[in-house]
Protein backbone atom coordinates (compact mmCIF):
# COMPACT_ATOMS: atom_id res chain seq x y z
CA MET A 1 16.45 18.90 10.08
CA ARG A 2 17.06 15.31 11.09
CA ILE A 3 14.29 12.90 10.31
CA THR A 4 12.48 11.71 13.37
CA LEU A 5 9.44 10.12 11.80
CA LEU A 6 11.29 8.40 8.98
CA VAL A 7 13.53 5.53 9.82
CA LEU A 8 14.73 5.53 6.26
CA ALA A 9 17.13 2.69 6.02
CA ALA A 10 18.87 -0.31 7.26
CA LEU A 11 22.10 -0.77 5.40
CA ALA A 12 22.70 -4.37 4.71
CA ILE A 13 24.47 -6.87 2.63
CA ALA A 14 21.65 -9.15 1.53
CA ALA A 15 23.51 -12.43 1.94
CA PRO A 16 27.08 -13.48 2.62
CA ALA A 17 27.55 -14.38 -1.05
CA GLN A 18 26.47 -10.92 -2.19
CA ALA A 19 28.40 -7.74 -1.63
CA GLY A 20 27.33 -4.15 -1.84
CA LEU A 21 25.34 -1.54 -0.01
CA LYS A 22 21.58 -1.79 0.33
CA VAL A 23 19.26 0.94 1.64
CA CYS A 24 15.83 0.00 2.93
CA ASN A 25 13.02 2.48 3.46
CA LYS A 26 11.33 1.73 6.78
CA GLY A 27 9.19 4.87 6.59
CA LYS A 28 5.65 5.54 5.40
CA PHE A 29 6.59 7.73 2.43
CA PRO A 30 8.73 7.25 -0.70
CA ALA A 31 12.32 8.30 -0.11
CA ARG A 32 15.07 9.62 -2.39
CA VAL A 33 18.63 8.65 -1.52
CA ALA A 34 22.02 9.89 -2.72
CA LEU A 35 25.41 8.26 -2.15
CA GLY A 36 28.79 9.92 -1.57
CA SER A 37 32.03 7.98 -1.78
CA PHE A 38 35.82 8.12 -2.08
CA ASP A 39 37.50 5.60 -4.38
CA GLY A 40 40.99 6.10 -2.96
CA LYS A 41 41.73 8.91 -5.38
CA ASP A 42 38.58 10.96 -6.04
CA TRP A 43 35.40 11.99 -4.23
CA SER A 44 32.05 11.74 -5.98
CA SER A 45 28.32 11.69 -5.34
CA GLN A 46 25.46 10.10 -7.21
CA GLY A 47 21.72 9.64 -6.95
CA TRP A 48 18.83 9.50 -6.86
CA TRP A 49 17.44 6.16 -5.86
CA THR A 50 13.72 6.38 -5.20
CA ILE A 51 12.71 3.80 -2.64
CA ALA A 52 9.10 2.97 -1.88
CA PRO A 53 7.99 2.34 1.72
CA ALA A 54 8.97 -1.14 2.90
CA ALA A 55 11.26 -1.58 -0.11
CA CYS A 56 15.05 -1.66 -0.59
CA ALA A 57 17.50 -0.49 -3.24
CA ASP A 58 21.04 -1.65 -3.97
CA VAL A 59 22.99 1.60 -4.11
CA VAL A 60 26.33 -0.20 -4.51
CA LYS A 61 26.03 -3.47 -6.42
CA THR A 62 29.72 -4.40 -6.36
CA PRO A 63 31.96 -5.35 -3.44
CA LEU A 64 32.56 -2.36 -1.19
CA ASN A 65 35.97 -0.84 -1.85
CA ALA A 66 36.04 1.69 0.99
CA ARG A 67 35.45 1.62 4.70
CA TYR A 68 33.30 4.77 4.68
CA TYR A 69 30.33 5.68 2.52
CA TYR A 70 28.04 8.68 2.87
CA LEU A 71 24.28 8.87 2.46
CA TYR A 72 21.71 11.62 2.21
CA GLY A 73 17.98 11.02 2.01
CA THR A 74 14.74 12.89 1.90
CA ASP A 75 11.11 11.90 1.76
CA THR A 76 8.01 13.68 0.59
CA ALA A 77 6.68 14.58 4.02
CA SER A 78 8.83 14.56 7.14
CA GLY A 79 12.22 15.95 6.25
CA VAL A 80 15.75 14.86 5.56
CA TRP A 81 18.21 12.23 6.60
CA ASP A 82 21.58 13.99 6.80
CA GLY A 83 24.88 14.37 8.62
CA GLU A 84 28.10 16.37 8.67
CA THR A 85 29.91 15.64 5.37
CA ALA A 86 29.11 17.92 2.43
CA PHE A 87 28.62 16.60 -1.10
CA CYS A 88 27.08 18.03 -4.24
CA VAL A 89 23.66 16.88 -5.44
CA SER A 90 21.55 17.68 -8.47
CA ARG A 91 17.82 18.22 -8.76
CA ALA A 92 17.81 15.97 -11.82
CA ALA A 93 16.27 12.51 -11.52
CA LYS A 94 19.72 10.91 -11.90
CA PHE A 95 23.12 12.48 -11.36
CA GLN A 96 26.79 11.73 -10.88
CA VAL A 97 29.03 14.56 -9.65
CA PRO A 98 32.82 14.34 -9.42
CA GLY A 99 34.38 16.09 -6.42
CA ARG A 100 32.86 17.74 -3.34
CA ALA A 101 33.98 21.35 -3.69
CA ASP A 102 32.32 24.44 -5.21
CA CYS A 103 28.90 22.82 -5.59
CA THR A 104 26.95 26.03 -6.27
CA LYS A 105 29.62 27.40 -8.63
CA ARG A 106 29.24 24.22 -10.65
CA GLY A 107 25.44 24.39 -10.70
CA TYR A 108 24.69 21.86 -7.95
CA ASP A 109 23.11 22.02 -4.52
CA ARG A 110 25.19 21.24 -1.43
CA GLN A 111 23.82 18.74 1.11
CA ARG A 112 25.23 17.21 4.26
CA PHE A 113 25.55 13.42 4.12
CA PHE A 114 25.93 11.15 7.12
CA THR A 115 28.78 8.66 7.45
CA VAL A 116 28.28 4.91 7.14
CA ASP A 117 31.20 2.98 8.63
CA THR A 118 31.32 -0.50 7.10
CA GLN A 119 34.25 -1.40 9.37
CA ASP A 120 35.65 -3.14 6.28
CA ASN A 121 32.96 -5.78 6.74
CA LEU A 122 30.95 -6.60 3.62
CA ASN A 123 28.24 -8.37 5.62
CA LYS A 124 27.36 -5.63 8.08
CA VAL A 125 23.84 -4.46 8.97
CA VAL A 126 23.48 -0.90 10.28
CA PRO A 127 19.98 0.07 11.45
CA LEU A 128 19.32 3.80 11.20
CA GLN A 129 16.86 5.48 13.51
């Protein structure tokens, strides 16, 4: 179920001197966000960042090293923020999972993340609706 009520995030680089990936919760409820990525060799996923309404979280604090990142989010009321690319997630408060395959065999849940195309631009803002 795609979130309609929650406009969970605007992905932004806070200022030209700073690099990374920021997620801002534009909704009315706290949101939990997970990140999927490929470092050129291996896939992995990590989470959860809990983001209060009208607040932001830096999910990548270093310069972005890939063109594509993947996000999944959920809030406490209206649903999920998802896409087409599967990654593993944990129910634990914090997790880091190597790889994307065999999630349930390895004791994880499988969720569909949506693609964020940075277009190799570290100062890009992507509003999500």
